[in-house]
């Protein structure tokens, strides 16, 4: 078992996956980690959509002009949706849940990557009829997500088909730490 610091230094964004499904018990463990995430006032404003259908993941890979294509080769995607009306900290709450998923995936020997959806999209040149399309609209349509929820991101997870070096703690930006005051 890793210490938390080892896990945090080891976790890197993985964008290439083996053609192998993630076992259901591991998916459930990752979802438990997300549900156990802290949230403001313990409101837990999130909901998750688990995607394993290759055709749907391929279609989701086109939700952004750049940065979402890795979903095409991913065996598992989890859309993080948040009720933005429930709390003003919805982005933080959703991001913490997504990070818990990524750290849990790493602890289980898997890799993962965050694909931002909220505030991103397909540029006019790539969109139908030459118009910009928000990624959130495309994801909402594909997954049947209700309008009351904001789609923050999709977490891509799978068995690593690439290896990346752990972060070297000696190269961390310690100069960005201030004690007492800035």
N, C-alpha and C. Protein backbone atom coordinates (compact mmCIF):
# COMPACT_ATOMS: atom_id res chain seq x y z
N UNK A 1 0.85 -1.18 0.00
CA UNK A 1 0.00 0.00 0.00
C UNK A 1 0.89 1.24 0.00
N UNK A 2 0.49 2.23 -0.77
CA UNK A 2 1.20 3.50 -0.84
C UNK A 2 0.85 4.39 0.34
N UNK A 3 1.79 5.25 0.71
CA UNK A 3 1.40 6.33 1.60
C UNK A 3 0.66 7.33 0.72
N UNK A 4 -0.08 8.23 1.32
CA UNK A 4 -0.81 9.20 0.51
C UNK A 4 0.13 10.05 -0.33
N UNK A 5 1.25 10.50 0.24
CA UNK A 5 2.18 11.33 -0.53
C UNK A 5 2.74 10.55 -1.71
N UNK A 6 3.09 9.29 -1.52
CA UNK A 6 3.58 8.47 -2.64
C UNK A 6 2.51 8.38 -3.74
N UNK A 7 1.28 8.17 -3.33
CA UNK A 7 0.17 8.08 -4.28
C UNK A 7 0.00 9.39 -5.05
N UNK A 8 0.05 10.53 -4.34
CA UNK A 8 -0.11 11.84 -4.97
C UNK A 8 1.03 12.13 -5.95
N UNK A 9 2.25 11.72 -5.60
CA UNK A 9 3.40 11.94 -6.49
C UNK A 9 3.37 11.00 -7.69
N UNK A 10 2.81 9.83 -7.50
CA UNK A 10 2.77 8.81 -8.54
C UNK A 10 1.66 9.07 -9.56
N UNK A 11 0.54 9.66 -9.12
CA UNK A 11 -0.61 9.86 -10.00
C UNK A 11 -0.29 10.89 -11.08
N UNK A 12 -0.42 10.49 -12.32
CA UNK A 12 -0.20 11.37 -13.47
C UNK A 12 -1.40 11.23 -14.40
N UNK A 13 -1.59 12.18 -15.28
CA UNK A 13 -2.68 12.10 -16.25
C UNK A 13 -2.33 11.08 -17.33
N UNK A 14 -3.12 10.02 -17.39
CA UNK A 14 -2.91 8.95 -18.36
C UNK A 14 -3.97 9.08 -19.45
N UNK A 15 -3.51 9.10 -20.70
CA UNK A 15 -4.40 9.31 -21.83
C UNK A 15 -4.46 8.12 -22.79
N UNK A 16 -3.68 7.08 -22.50
CA UNK A 16 -3.67 5.88 -23.34
C UNK A 16 -3.92 4.67 -22.45
N UNK A 17 -4.85 3.84 -22.90
CA UNK A 17 -5.29 2.71 -22.09
C UNK A 17 -5.21 1.40 -22.87
N UNK A 18 -5.01 0.31 -22.13
CA UNK A 18 -5.09 -1.02 -22.72
C UNK A 18 -6.54 -1.30 -23.11
N UNK A 19 -6.71 -2.17 -24.07
CA UNK A 19 -8.05 -2.56 -24.51
C UNK A 19 -8.55 -3.65 -23.57
N UNK A 20 -8.89 -3.23 -22.37
CA UNK A 20 -9.28 -4.15 -21.31
C UNK A 20 -10.28 -3.44 -20.41
N UNK A 21 -11.43 -4.06 -20.16
CA UNK A 21 -12.41 -3.39 -19.29
C UNK A 21 -11.95 -3.31 -17.83
N UNK A 22 -12.46 -2.34 -17.12
CA UNK A 22 -12.20 -2.20 -15.69
C UNK A 22 -13.23 -3.07 -14.97
N UNK A 23 -12.74 -3.91 -14.09
CA UNK A 23 -13.62 -4.83 -13.37
C UNK A 23 -14.66 -4.06 -12.55
N UNK A 24 -15.85 -4.64 -12.42
CA UNK A 24 -16.96 -3.99 -11.73
C UNK A 24 -16.63 -3.67 -10.27
N UNK A 25 -15.89 -4.54 -9.59
CA UNK A 25 -15.55 -4.25 -8.19
C UNK A 25 -14.66 -3.02 -8.09
N UNK A 26 -13.78 -2.81 -9.06
CA UNK A 26 -12.93 -1.62 -9.06
C UNK A 26 -13.76 -0.37 -9.38
N UNK A 27 -14.70 -0.50 -10.29
CA UNK A 27 -15.59 0.63 -10.61
C UNK A 27 -16.35 1.03 -9.35
N UNK A 28 -16.87 0.05 -8.62
CA UNK A 28 -17.62 0.33 -7.40
C UNK A 28 -16.74 0.99 -6.33
N UNK A 29 -15.49 0.55 -6.22
CA UNK A 29 -14.57 1.16 -5.26
C UNK A 29 -14.30 2.62 -5.62
N UNK A 30 -14.11 2.89 -6.90
CA UNK A 30 -13.89 4.27 -7.36
C UNK A 30 -15.11 5.14 -7.07
N UNK A 31 -16.30 4.59 -7.31
CA UNK A 31 -17.53 5.35 -7.03
C UNK A 31 -17.72 5.58 -5.53
N UNK A 32 -17.34 4.62 -4.71
CA UNK A 32 -17.40 4.82 -3.25
C UNK A 32 -16.48 5.95 -2.83
N UNK A 33 -15.28 6.00 -3.43
CA UNK A 33 -14.35 7.09 -3.12
C UNK A 33 -14.95 8.44 -3.49
N UNK A 34 -15.66 8.49 -4.62
CA UNK A 34 -16.31 9.74 -5.04
C UNK A 34 -17.41 10.13 -4.06
N UNK A 35 -18.23 9.15 -3.68
CA UNK A 35 -19.34 9.43 -2.77
C UNK A 35 -18.86 9.80 -1.36
N UNK A 36 -17.66 9.38 -1.00
CA UNK A 36 -17.10 9.69 0.32
C UNK A 36 -16.40 11.06 0.34
N UNK A 37 -16.38 11.75 -0.78
CA UNK A 37 -15.68 13.04 -0.87
C UNK A 37 -16.32 14.08 0.04
N UNK A 38 -15.49 14.97 0.57
CA UNK A 38 -16.06 16.07 1.36
C UNK A 38 -16.76 17.07 0.44
N UNK A 39 -17.77 17.73 0.98
CA UNK A 39 -18.44 18.80 0.25
C UNK A 39 -18.90 19.86 1.25
N UNK A 40 -19.08 21.07 0.75
CA UNK A 40 -19.51 22.17 1.60
C UNK A 40 -20.85 21.84 2.26
N UNK A 41 -20.91 22.02 3.55
CA UNK A 41 -22.13 21.78 4.33
C UNK A 41 -22.66 20.36 4.16
N UNK A 42 -21.81 19.46 3.70
CA UNK A 42 -22.17 18.06 3.46
C UNK A 42 -23.43 17.95 2.58
N UNK A 43 -23.50 18.84 1.57
CA UNK A 43 -24.65 18.83 0.67
C UNK A 43 -24.56 17.75 -0.41
N UNK A 44 -23.34 17.29 -0.70
CA UNK A 44 -23.14 16.24 -1.71
C UNK A 44 -23.95 16.53 -2.97
N UNK A 45 -23.67 17.64 -3.66
CA UNK A 45 -24.50 18.06 -4.79
C UNK A 45 -24.22 17.32 -6.09
N UNK A 46 -23.44 16.25 -6.03
CA UNK A 46 -23.02 15.57 -7.24
C UNK A 46 -23.89 14.38 -7.60
N UNK A 47 -23.83 14.02 -8.87
CA UNK A 47 -24.38 12.77 -9.39
C UNK A 47 -23.40 12.29 -10.44
N UNK A 48 -23.31 10.98 -10.65
CA UNK A 48 -22.32 10.42 -11.54
C UNK A 48 -22.98 9.53 -12.59
N UNK A 49 -22.51 9.64 -13.82
CA UNK A 49 -22.98 8.77 -14.90
C UNK A 49 -21.79 7.91 -15.33
N UNK A 50 -21.93 6.60 -15.18
CA UNK A 50 -20.86 5.66 -15.52
C UNK A 50 -21.06 5.21 -16.96
N UNK A 51 -20.00 5.36 -17.78
CA UNK A 51 -20.08 5.04 -19.20
C UNK A 51 -19.04 3.99 -19.54
N UNK A 52 -19.51 2.85 -20.08
CA UNK A 52 -18.61 1.79 -20.53
C UNK A 52 -18.84 1.44 -22.00
N UNK A 53 -19.89 1.94 -22.58
CA UNK A 53 -20.21 1.67 -23.98
C UNK A 53 -19.20 2.38 -24.89
N UNK A 54 -18.47 1.60 -25.68
CA UNK A 54 -17.40 2.15 -26.53
C UNK A 54 -17.92 3.17 -27.53
N UNK A 55 -19.10 2.92 -28.09
CA UNK A 55 -19.67 3.87 -29.06
C UNK A 55 -19.97 5.20 -28.39
N UNK A 56 -20.53 5.17 -27.19
CA UNK A 56 -20.84 6.40 -26.46
C UNK A 56 -19.55 7.13 -26.08
N UNK A 57 -18.55 6.39 -25.63
CA UNK A 57 -17.27 7.03 -25.28
C UNK A 57 -16.63 7.67 -26.51
N UNK A 58 -16.75 7.01 -27.66
CA UNK A 58 -16.22 7.58 -28.91
C UNK A 58 -16.96 8.87 -29.26
N UNK A 59 -18.26 8.87 -29.10
CA UNK A 59 -19.04 10.08 -29.39
C UNK A 59 -18.72 11.19 -28.40
N UNK A 60 -18.50 10.83 -27.13
CA UNK A 60 -18.11 11.82 -26.12
C UNK A 60 -16.73 12.41 -26.41
N UNK A 61 -15.88 11.64 -27.07
CA UNK A 61 -14.51 12.10 -27.37
C UNK A 61 -14.50 13.31 -28.30
N UNK A 62 -15.63 13.60 -28.94
CA UNK A 62 -15.74 14.75 -29.84
C UNK A 62 -16.43 15.94 -29.19
N UNK A 63 -16.58 15.92 -27.87
CA UNK A 63 -17.31 17.00 -27.19
C UNK A 63 -16.50 18.29 -27.10
N UNK A 64 -15.20 18.20 -27.36
CA UNK A 64 -14.33 19.38 -27.33
C UNK A 64 -13.43 19.36 -28.56
N UNK A 65 -13.00 20.54 -28.99
CA UNK A 65 -12.06 20.59 -30.10
C UNK A 65 -10.74 19.94 -29.70
N UNK A 66 -10.28 20.20 -28.48
CA UNK A 66 -9.03 19.63 -27.98
C UNK A 66 -9.26 19.07 -26.57
N UNK A 67 -8.61 17.98 -26.25
CA UNK A 67 -8.57 17.51 -24.88
C UNK A 67 -9.54 16.40 -24.51
N UNK A 68 -10.47 16.04 -25.38
CA UNK A 68 -11.43 14.99 -25.03
C UNK A 68 -11.23 13.72 -25.85
N UNK A 69 -10.33 13.76 -26.80
CA UNK A 69 -10.15 12.64 -27.72
C UNK A 69 -9.72 11.35 -27.01
N UNK A 70 -9.08 11.46 -25.86
CA UNK A 70 -8.64 10.28 -25.12
C UNK A 70 -9.81 9.39 -24.71
N UNK A 71 -11.01 9.94 -24.65
CA UNK A 71 -12.17 9.13 -24.28
C UNK A 71 -12.45 8.01 -25.28
N UNK A 72 -12.02 8.21 -26.53
CA UNK A 72 -12.24 7.21 -27.55
C UNK A 72 -11.56 5.88 -27.21
N UNK A 73 -10.41 5.94 -26.56
CA UNK A 73 -9.69 4.73 -26.21
C UNK A 73 -9.87 4.31 -24.76
N UNK A 74 -10.75 4.97 -24.06
CA UNK A 74 -10.95 4.70 -22.65
C UNK A 74 -12.01 3.62 -22.44
N UNK A 75 -11.75 2.65 -21.58
CA UNK A 75 -12.78 1.65 -21.30
C UNK A 75 -13.85 2.12 -20.32
N UNK A 76 -13.56 3.23 -19.63
CA UNK A 76 -14.49 3.71 -18.61
C UNK A 76 -14.45 5.23 -18.54
N UNK A 77 -15.61 5.83 -18.53
CA UNK A 77 -15.73 7.27 -18.29
C UNK A 77 -16.77 7.48 -17.21
N UNK A 78 -16.53 8.46 -16.36
CA UNK A 78 -17.52 8.79 -15.34
C UNK A 78 -17.78 10.29 -15.43
N UNK A 79 -18.99 10.64 -15.84
CA UNK A 79 -19.37 12.05 -15.92
C UNK A 79 -19.71 12.55 -14.52
N UNK A 80 -19.10 13.67 -14.15
CA UNK A 80 -19.35 14.28 -12.84
C UNK A 80 -20.32 15.43 -13.07
N UNK A 81 -21.53 15.27 -12.56
CA UNK A 81 -22.59 16.26 -12.72
C UNK A 81 -22.89 16.86 -11.34
N UNK A 82 -23.19 18.15 -11.32
CA UNK A 82 -23.38 18.82 -10.04
C UNK A 82 -24.60 19.73 -10.12
N UNK A 83 -25.36 19.78 -9.03
CA UNK A 83 -26.50 20.70 -8.93
C UNK A 83 -25.96 22.07 -8.51
N UNK A 84 -25.78 22.95 -9.47
CA UNK A 84 -25.19 24.27 -9.21
C UNK A 84 -26.12 25.15 -8.38
N UNK A 85 -27.41 24.81 -8.33
CA UNK A 85 -28.35 25.59 -7.52
C UNK A 85 -28.31 25.19 -6.04
N UNK A 86 -27.73 24.04 -5.75
CA UNK A 86 -27.72 23.54 -4.38
C UNK A 86 -26.70 24.27 -3.51
N UNK A 87 -25.61 24.76 -4.14
CA UNK A 87 -24.54 25.39 -3.36
C UNK A 87 -23.66 26.23 -4.27
N UNK A 88 -23.09 27.28 -3.72
CA UNK A 88 -22.18 28.11 -4.51
C UNK A 88 -20.80 27.48 -4.63
N UNK A 89 -20.58 26.36 -3.96
CA UNK A 89 -19.29 25.67 -4.03
C UNK A 89 -19.35 24.44 -4.93
N UNK A 90 -20.31 24.41 -5.84
CA UNK A 90 -20.53 23.22 -6.66
C UNK A 90 -19.29 22.82 -7.46
N UNK A 91 -18.53 23.79 -7.98
CA UNK A 91 -17.35 23.44 -8.76
C UNK A 91 -16.30 22.77 -7.89
N UNK A 92 -16.10 23.31 -6.69
CA UNK A 92 -15.13 22.72 -5.77
C UNK A 92 -15.58 21.32 -5.35
N UNK A 93 -16.83 21.18 -5.00
CA UNK A 93 -17.35 19.89 -4.56
C UNK A 93 -17.19 18.83 -5.65
N UNK A 94 -17.54 19.17 -6.89
CA UNK A 94 -17.39 18.24 -8.01
C UNK A 94 -15.94 17.91 -8.30
N UNK A 95 -15.07 18.92 -8.21
CA UNK A 95 -13.64 18.70 -8.48
C UNK A 95 -13.02 17.78 -7.43
N UNK A 96 -13.42 17.94 -6.18
CA UNK A 96 -12.90 17.07 -5.12
C UNK A 96 -13.34 15.62 -5.38
N UNK A 97 -14.58 15.42 -5.77
CA UNK A 97 -15.06 14.06 -6.07
C UNK A 97 -14.28 13.46 -7.24
N UNK A 98 -14.01 14.28 -8.27
CA UNK A 98 -13.24 13.79 -9.42
C UNK A 98 -11.81 13.42 -9.01
N UNK A 99 -11.21 14.24 -8.16
CA UNK A 99 -9.85 13.94 -7.70
C UNK A 99 -9.84 12.67 -6.86
N UNK A 100 -10.84 12.49 -6.02
CA UNK A 100 -10.91 11.24 -5.25
C UNK A 100 -10.96 10.03 -6.18
N UNK A 101 -11.71 10.14 -7.28
CA UNK A 101 -11.78 9.05 -8.26
C UNK A 101 -10.40 8.78 -8.86
N UNK A 102 -9.71 9.85 -9.26
CA UNK A 102 -8.39 9.70 -9.89
C UNK A 102 -7.37 9.08 -8.93
N UNK A 103 -7.37 9.52 -7.68
CA UNK A 103 -6.45 8.95 -6.70
C UNK A 103 -6.79 7.50 -6.38
N UNK A 104 -8.06 7.20 -6.30
CA UNK A 104 -8.49 5.83 -6.03
C UNK A 104 -8.10 4.92 -7.21
N UNK A 105 -8.32 5.40 -8.43
CA UNK A 105 -7.95 4.63 -9.62
C UNK A 105 -6.45 4.30 -9.58
N UNK A 106 -5.63 5.29 -9.27
CA UNK A 106 -4.18 5.08 -9.18
C UNK A 106 -3.86 4.03 -8.11
N UNK A 107 -4.52 4.11 -6.98
CA UNK A 107 -4.29 3.17 -5.88
C UNK A 107 -4.67 1.74 -6.30
N UNK A 108 -5.61 1.62 -7.24
CA UNK A 108 -6.06 0.30 -7.72
C UNK A 108 -5.22 -0.20 -8.89
N UNK A 109 -4.17 0.55 -9.26
CA UNK A 109 -3.32 0.15 -10.38
C UNK A 109 -3.83 0.59 -11.73
N UNK A 110 -4.75 1.53 -11.74
CA UNK A 110 -5.32 2.07 -12.98
C UNK A 110 -4.79 3.47 -13.22
N UNK A 111 -5.05 3.98 -14.40
CA UNK A 111 -4.70 5.36 -14.72
C UNK A 111 -5.96 6.12 -15.04
N UNK A 112 -5.85 7.44 -15.05
CA UNK A 112 -7.01 8.25 -15.35
C UNK A 112 -6.63 9.65 -15.74
N UNK A 113 -7.62 10.37 -16.25
CA UNK A 113 -7.41 11.76 -16.65
C UNK A 113 -8.74 12.50 -16.57
N UNK A 114 -8.66 13.76 -16.16
CA UNK A 114 -9.80 14.66 -16.07
C UNK A 114 -10.03 15.28 -17.44
N UNK A 115 -11.27 15.26 -17.93
CA UNK A 115 -11.64 15.94 -19.17
C UNK A 115 -12.66 17.01 -18.78
N UNK A 116 -12.23 18.26 -18.82
CA UNK A 116 -13.13 19.35 -18.45
C UNK A 116 -14.24 19.48 -19.48
N UNK A 117 -15.45 19.61 -19.01
CA UNK A 117 -16.61 19.80 -19.88
C UNK A 117 -17.17 21.20 -19.70
N UNK A 118 -17.43 21.60 -18.45
CA UNK A 118 -18.02 22.90 -18.18
C UNK A 118 -17.11 24.02 -18.72
N UNK A 119 -17.67 24.90 -19.52
CA UNK A 119 -16.92 26.03 -20.05
C UNK A 119 -16.09 25.70 -21.29
N UNK A 120 -16.17 24.50 -21.78
CA UNK A 120 -15.42 24.10 -22.98
C UNK A 120 -16.40 23.75 -24.09
N UNK A 121 -15.88 23.46 -25.28
CA UNK A 121 -16.77 23.10 -26.36
C UNK A 121 -16.06 22.82 -27.66
N UNK A 122 -16.86 22.75 -28.70
CA UNK A 122 -16.39 22.50 -30.05
C UNK A 122 -16.41 23.83 -30.79
N UNK A 123 -15.27 24.19 -31.36
CA UNK A 123 -15.17 25.46 -32.10
C UNK A 123 -15.99 25.39 -33.37
N UNK A 124 -16.38 26.55 -33.87
CA UNK A 124 -17.24 26.67 -35.04
C UNK A 124 -16.75 25.84 -36.23
N UNK A 125 -15.45 25.84 -36.48
CA UNK A 125 -14.91 25.12 -37.63
C UNK A 125 -15.17 23.62 -37.53
N UNK A 126 -15.28 23.09 -36.30
CA UNK A 126 -15.49 21.66 -36.10
C UNK A 126 -16.95 21.31 -35.83
N UNK A 127 -17.77 22.31 -35.56
CA UNK A 127 -19.16 22.06 -35.21
C UNK A 127 -20.05 21.99 -36.44
N UNK A 128 -21.22 21.38 -36.28
CA UNK A 128 -22.16 21.35 -37.39
C UNK A 128 -22.67 22.75 -37.69
N UNK A 129 -22.88 23.03 -38.95
CA UNK A 129 -23.41 24.33 -39.39
C UNK A 129 -22.50 25.48 -39.00
N UNK A 130 -21.22 25.21 -38.76
CA UNK A 130 -20.26 26.28 -38.49
C UNK A 130 -20.54 27.08 -37.23
N UNK A 131 -21.09 26.45 -36.20
CA UNK A 131 -21.38 27.17 -34.95
C UNK A 131 -20.65 26.53 -33.77
N UNK A 132 -20.30 27.37 -32.79
CA UNK A 132 -19.71 26.85 -31.57
C UNK A 132 -20.77 26.06 -30.81
N UNK A 133 -20.35 24.95 -30.23
CA UNK A 133 -21.27 24.13 -29.44
C UNK A 133 -20.63 23.87 -28.09
N UNK A 134 -21.30 24.23 -27.00
CA UNK A 134 -20.75 23.92 -25.67
C UNK A 134 -20.65 22.41 -25.46
N UNK A 135 -19.54 21.96 -24.90
CA UNK A 135 -19.34 20.54 -24.63
C UNK A 135 -20.48 20.00 -23.76
N UNK A 136 -20.91 20.83 -22.84
CA UNK A 136 -21.96 20.41 -21.91
C UNK A 136 -23.25 20.03 -22.63
N UNK A 137 -23.57 20.74 -23.69
CA UNK A 137 -24.78 20.44 -24.46
C UNK A 137 -24.64 19.07 -25.12
N UNK A 138 -23.49 18.81 -25.71
CA UNK A 138 -23.28 17.52 -26.37
C UNK A 138 -23.31 16.37 -25.36
N UNK A 139 -22.64 16.54 -24.24
CA UNK A 139 -22.60 15.49 -23.21
C UNK A 139 -24.00 15.26 -22.63
N UNK A 140 -24.70 16.34 -22.34
CA UNK A 140 -26.05 16.23 -21.79
C UNK A 140 -26.97 15.43 -22.73
N UNK A 141 -26.89 15.74 -24.02
CA UNK A 141 -27.72 15.03 -25.00
C UNK A 141 -27.37 13.54 -25.07
N UNK A 142 -26.08 13.24 -25.13
CA UNK A 142 -25.65 11.85 -25.27
C UNK A 142 -26.01 11.01 -24.05
N UNK A 143 -25.93 11.60 -22.86
CA UNK A 143 -26.12 10.83 -21.63
C UNK A 143 -27.49 11.03 -20.98
N UNK A 144 -28.33 11.88 -21.56
CA UNK A 144 -29.67 12.11 -21.00
C UNK A 144 -29.64 12.80 -19.65
N UNK A 145 -28.67 13.68 -19.45
CA UNK A 145 -28.53 14.38 -18.17
C UNK A 145 -29.54 15.51 -18.09
N UNK A 146 -30.29 15.60 -16.98
CA UNK A 146 -31.31 16.65 -16.85
C UNK A 146 -30.69 18.06 -16.83
N UNK A 147 -31.46 19.01 -17.29
CA UNK A 147 -31.02 20.41 -17.36
C UNK A 147 -30.63 20.99 -16.01
N UNK A 148 -31.21 20.48 -14.92
CA UNK A 148 -30.92 21.04 -13.60
C UNK A 148 -29.49 20.76 -13.14
N UNK A 149 -28.80 19.83 -13.81
CA UNK A 149 -27.44 19.49 -13.43
C UNK A 149 -26.43 20.10 -14.41
N UNK A 150 -25.31 20.55 -13.86
CA UNK A 150 -24.20 21.05 -14.66
C UNK A 150 -23.20 19.92 -14.81
N UNK A 151 -22.74 19.70 -16.04
CA UNK A 151 -21.73 18.67 -16.28
C UNK A 151 -20.36 19.33 -16.10
N UNK A 152 -19.68 18.98 -15.02
CA UNK A 152 -18.39 19.57 -14.72
C UNK A 152 -17.28 18.95 -15.55
N UNK A 153 -17.22 17.61 -15.57
CA UNK A 153 -16.13 16.93 -16.26
C UNK A 153 -16.50 15.48 -16.51
N UNK A 154 -15.63 14.82 -17.25
CA UNK A 154 -15.69 13.37 -17.40
C UNK A 154 -14.33 12.85 -16.95
N UNK A 155 -14.34 11.88 -16.05
CA UNK A 155 -13.10 11.26 -15.61
C UNK A 155 -12.93 9.98 -16.43
N UNK A 156 -11.82 9.92 -17.15
CA UNK A 156 -11.48 8.76 -17.97
C UNK A 156 -10.61 7.83 -17.13
N UNK A 157 -10.91 6.52 -17.16
CA UNK A 157 -10.18 5.56 -16.32
C UNK A 157 -9.94 4.27 -17.10
N UNK A 158 -8.77 3.68 -16.91
CA UNK A 158 -8.47 2.39 -17.53
C UNK A 158 -7.11 1.88 -17.12
N UNK A 159 -6.77 0.71 -17.64
CA UNK A 159 -5.45 0.15 -17.42
C UNK A 159 -4.45 0.91 -18.28
N UNK A 160 -3.36 1.33 -17.68
CA UNK A 160 -2.38 2.19 -18.35
C UNK A 160 -1.70 1.49 -19.53
N UNK A 161 -1.69 2.18 -20.67
CA UNK A 161 -0.93 1.72 -21.83
C UNK A 161 0.25 2.65 -22.05
N UNK A 162 0.51 3.50 -21.07
CA UNK A 162 1.68 4.38 -21.08
C UNK A 162 2.13 4.55 -19.64
N UNK A 163 3.40 4.76 -19.48
CA UNK A 163 3.95 4.98 -18.14
C UNK A 163 4.54 6.38 -18.07
N UNK A 164 4.34 7.03 -16.99
CA UNK A 164 4.91 8.35 -16.76
C UNK A 164 5.65 8.32 -15.43
N UNK A 165 6.73 9.06 -15.38
CA UNK A 165 7.51 9.13 -14.15
C UNK A 165 6.71 9.82 -13.05
N UNK A 166 6.94 9.36 -11.84
CA UNK A 166 6.36 10.04 -10.69
C UNK A 166 6.93 11.44 -10.60
N UNK A 167 6.22 12.30 -9.94
CA UNK A 167 6.71 13.66 -9.71
C UNK A 167 7.88 13.59 -8.73
N UNK A 168 8.95 14.28 -9.06
CA UNK A 168 10.12 14.33 -8.18
C UNK A 168 9.87 15.38 -7.10
N UNK A 169 9.81 14.97 -5.82
CA UNK A 169 9.51 15.95 -4.77
C UNK A 169 10.54 17.06 -4.67
N UNK A 170 11.76 16.81 -5.14
CA UNK A 170 12.80 17.85 -5.12
C UNK A 170 12.52 18.96 -6.13
N UNK A 171 11.66 18.67 -7.11
CA UNK A 171 11.36 19.66 -8.15
C UNK A 171 10.03 20.38 -7.93
N UNK A 172 9.40 20.13 -6.81
CA UNK A 172 8.16 20.84 -6.49
C UNK A 172 8.46 22.33 -6.28
N UNK A 173 7.48 23.16 -6.51
CA UNK A 173 7.67 24.62 -6.43
C UNK A 173 7.47 25.11 -4.99
N UNK A 174 8.43 24.80 -4.15
CA UNK A 174 8.35 25.18 -2.74
C UNK A 174 8.33 26.69 -2.56
N UNK A 175 8.81 27.43 -3.54
CA UNK A 175 8.79 28.90 -3.44
C UNK A 175 7.37 29.46 -3.45
N UNK A 176 6.40 28.65 -3.76
CA UNK A 176 5.01 29.10 -3.76
C UNK A 176 4.35 28.91 -2.40
N UNK A 177 5.11 28.46 -1.43
CA UNK A 177 4.60 28.29 -0.06
C UNK A 177 5.02 29.49 0.77
N UNK A 178 4.08 30.05 1.49
CA UNK A 178 4.34 31.22 2.34
C UNK A 178 3.82 30.92 3.75
N UNK A 179 4.57 31.29 4.73
CA UNK A 179 4.19 31.02 6.12
C UNK A 179 3.83 32.32 6.82
N UNK A 180 2.73 32.32 7.52
CA UNK A 180 2.32 33.49 8.27
C UNK A 180 1.60 34.52 7.43
N UNK A 181 2.24 34.99 6.37
CA UNK A 181 1.63 35.89 5.40
C UNK A 181 2.43 35.85 4.13
N UNK A 182 1.90 36.42 3.09
CA UNK A 182 2.57 36.39 1.80
C UNK A 182 3.84 37.20 1.88
